[in-house]
Amino acid sequence: MLTGKWRKESQLVHLINIYSPCNLQDKRTLWENIKQLKNQNPEGYWCILGDFNNIRTVAERVGSS
């Protein structure tokens, strides 16, 4: 997580770059950790971006049975 101050509006900004695991339990743990960070730092704006490894269709699932 990177935290800084948006000068124009004098607001805190929190940036998180995610590379999410594919395992469902690990994803849940990741989101719990993000929620804890948010609860510990409630002030300012949040931007969460990255690769969430969501499979939207069966065609996207490669190498699994």
C-alpha atoms as a PDB file:
ATOM      1  CA  MET A   1       0.000   0.000   0.000  1.00  0.00           C
ATOM      2  CA  LEU A   2       1.219   3.471  -0.877  1.00  0.00           C
ATOM      3  CA  THR A   3      -0.256   6.473   0.924  1.00  0.00           C
ATOM      4  CA  GLY A   4       0.211  10.082  -0.067  1.00  0.00           C
ATOM      5  CA  LYS A   5      -1.557  13.414  -0.101  1.00  0.00           C
ATOM      6  CA  TRP A   6      -3.521  14.701  -3.077  1.00  0.00           C
ATOM      7  CA  ARG A   7      -2.282  18.296  -3.124  1.00  0.00           C
ATOM      8  CA  LYS A   8      -5.136  19.898  -5.031  1.00  0.00           C
ATOM      9  CA  GLU A   9      -7.784  18.746  -2.534  1.00  0.00           C
ATOM     10  CA  SER A  10      -5.455  18.185   0.432  1.00  0.00           C
ATOM     11  CA  GLN A  11      -6.814  14.645   0.830  1.00  0.00           C
ATOM     12  CA  LEU A  12      -5.058  11.412   1.719  1.00  0.00           C
ATOM     13  CA  VAL A  13      -4.946   8.853  -1.076  1.00  0.00           C
ATOM     14  CA  HIS A  14      -4.260   5.150  -0.532  1.00  0.00           C
ATOM     15  CA  LEU A  15      -3.176   3.028  -3.511  1.00  0.00           C
ATOM     16  CA  ILE A  16      -3.035  -0.757  -3.488  1.00  0.00           C
ATOM     17  CA  ASN A  17      -1.777  -2.851  -6.399  1.00  0.00           C
ATOM     18  CA  ILE A  18      -3.025  -6.446  -6.241  1.00  0.00           C
ATOM     19  CA  TYR A  19      -1.972  -9.652  -7.890  1.00  0.00           C
ATOM     20  CA  SER A  20      -4.648 -11.946  -6.520  1.00  0.00           C
ATOM     21  CA  PRO A  21      -4.099 -15.657  -5.972  1.00  0.00           C
ATOM     22  CA  CYS A  22      -6.265 -18.099  -7.925  1.00  0.00           C
ATOM     23  CA  ASN A  23      -7.176 -20.187  -4.876  1.00  0.00           C
ATOM     24  CA  LEU A  24     -10.563 -19.150  -3.439  1.00  0.00           C
ATOM     25  CA  GLN A  25      -9.483 -19.382   0.216  1.00  0.00           C
ATOM     26  CA  ASP A  26      -6.396 -17.272  -0.486  1.00  0.00           C
ATOM     27  CA  LYS A  27      -8.609 -14.684  -2.247  1.00  0.00           C
ATOM     28  CA  ARG A  28     -10.809 -14.484   0.843  1.00  0.00           C
ATOM     29  CA  THR A  29      -7.744 -13.983   3.029  1.00  0.00           C
ATOM     30  CA  LEU A  30      -6.501 -11.236   0.697  1.00  0.00           C
ATOM     31  CA  TRP A  31      -9.840  -9.371   0.880  1.00  0.00           C
ATOM     32  CA  GLU A  32      -9.919  -9.711   4.672  1.00  0.00           C
ATOM     33  CA  ASN A  33      -6.444  -8.166   4.795  1.00  0.00           C
ATOM     34  CA  ILE A  34      -7.558  -5.308   2.533  1.00  0.00           C
ATOM     35  CA  LYS A  35     -10.621  -4.698   4.727  1.00  0.00           C
ATOM     36  CA  GLN A  36      -8.374  -4.561   7.799  1.00  0.00           C
ATOM     37  CA  LEU A  37      -6.122  -1.997   6.086  1.00  0.00           C
ATOM     38  CA  LYS A  38      -9.173   0.087   5.181  1.00  0.00           C
ATOM     39  CA  ASN A  39     -10.512  -0.074   8.744  1.00  0.00           C
ATOM     40  CA  GLN A  40      -7.107   0.956  10.127  1.00  0.00           C
ATOM     41  CA  ASN A  41      -6.885   3.866   7.631  1.00  0.00           C
ATOM     42  CA  PRO A  42     -10.449   5.173   7.200  1.00  0.00           C
ATOM     43  CA  GLU A  43      -9.484   8.689   6.080  1.00  0.00           C
ATOM     44  CA  GLY A  44      -9.080   9.692   2.444  1.00  0.00           C
ATOM     45  CA  TYR A  45      -9.637   8.115  -0.934  1.00  0.00           C
ATOM     46  CA  TRP A  46      -8.868   4.507  -1.872  1.00  0.00           C
ATOM     47  CA  CYS A  47      -7.795   3.066  -5.214  1.00  0.00           C
ATOM     48  CA  ILE A  48      -7.462  -0.713  -5.495  1.00  0.00           C
ATOM     49  CA  LEU A  49      -6.185  -1.993  -8.822  1.00  0.00           C
ATOM     50  CA  GLY A  50      -4.378  -4.942 -10.301  1.00  0.00           C
ATOM     51  CA  ASP A  51      -4.928  -8.487 -11.495  1.00  0.00           C
ATOM     52  CA  PHE A  52      -7.795 -10.064  -9.577  1.00  0.00           C
ATOM     53  CA  ASN A  53      -7.574 -13.432 -11.392  1.00  0.00           C
ATOM     54  CA  ASN A  54     -11.345 -13.723 -11.795  1.00  0.00           C
ATOM     55  CA  ILE A  55     -12.562 -16.396 -14.171  1.00  0.00           C
ATOM     56  CA  ARG A  56     -15.710 -15.147 -15.863  1.00  0.00           C
ATOM     57  CA  THR A  57     -16.408 -18.019 -18.272  1.00  0.00           C
ATOM     58  CA  VAL A  58     -15.481 -21.701 -18.627  1.00  0.00           C
ATOM     59  CA  ALA A  59     -13.476 -20.793 -21.760  1.00  0.00           C
ATOM     60  CA  GLU A  60     -11.109 -18.719 -19.608  1.00  0.00           C
ATOM     61  CA  ARG A  61     -10.256 -21.729 -17.451  1.00  0.00           C
ATOM     62  CA  VAL A  62      -7.043 -23.188 -18.914  1.00  0.00           C
ATOM     63  CA  GLY A  63      -5.285 -26.313 -17.712  1.00  0.00           C
ATOM     64  CA  SER A  64      -7.981 -27.548 -15.328  1.00  0.00           C
ATOM     65  CA  SER A  65     -10.405 -30.388 -15.548  1.00  0.00           C
END
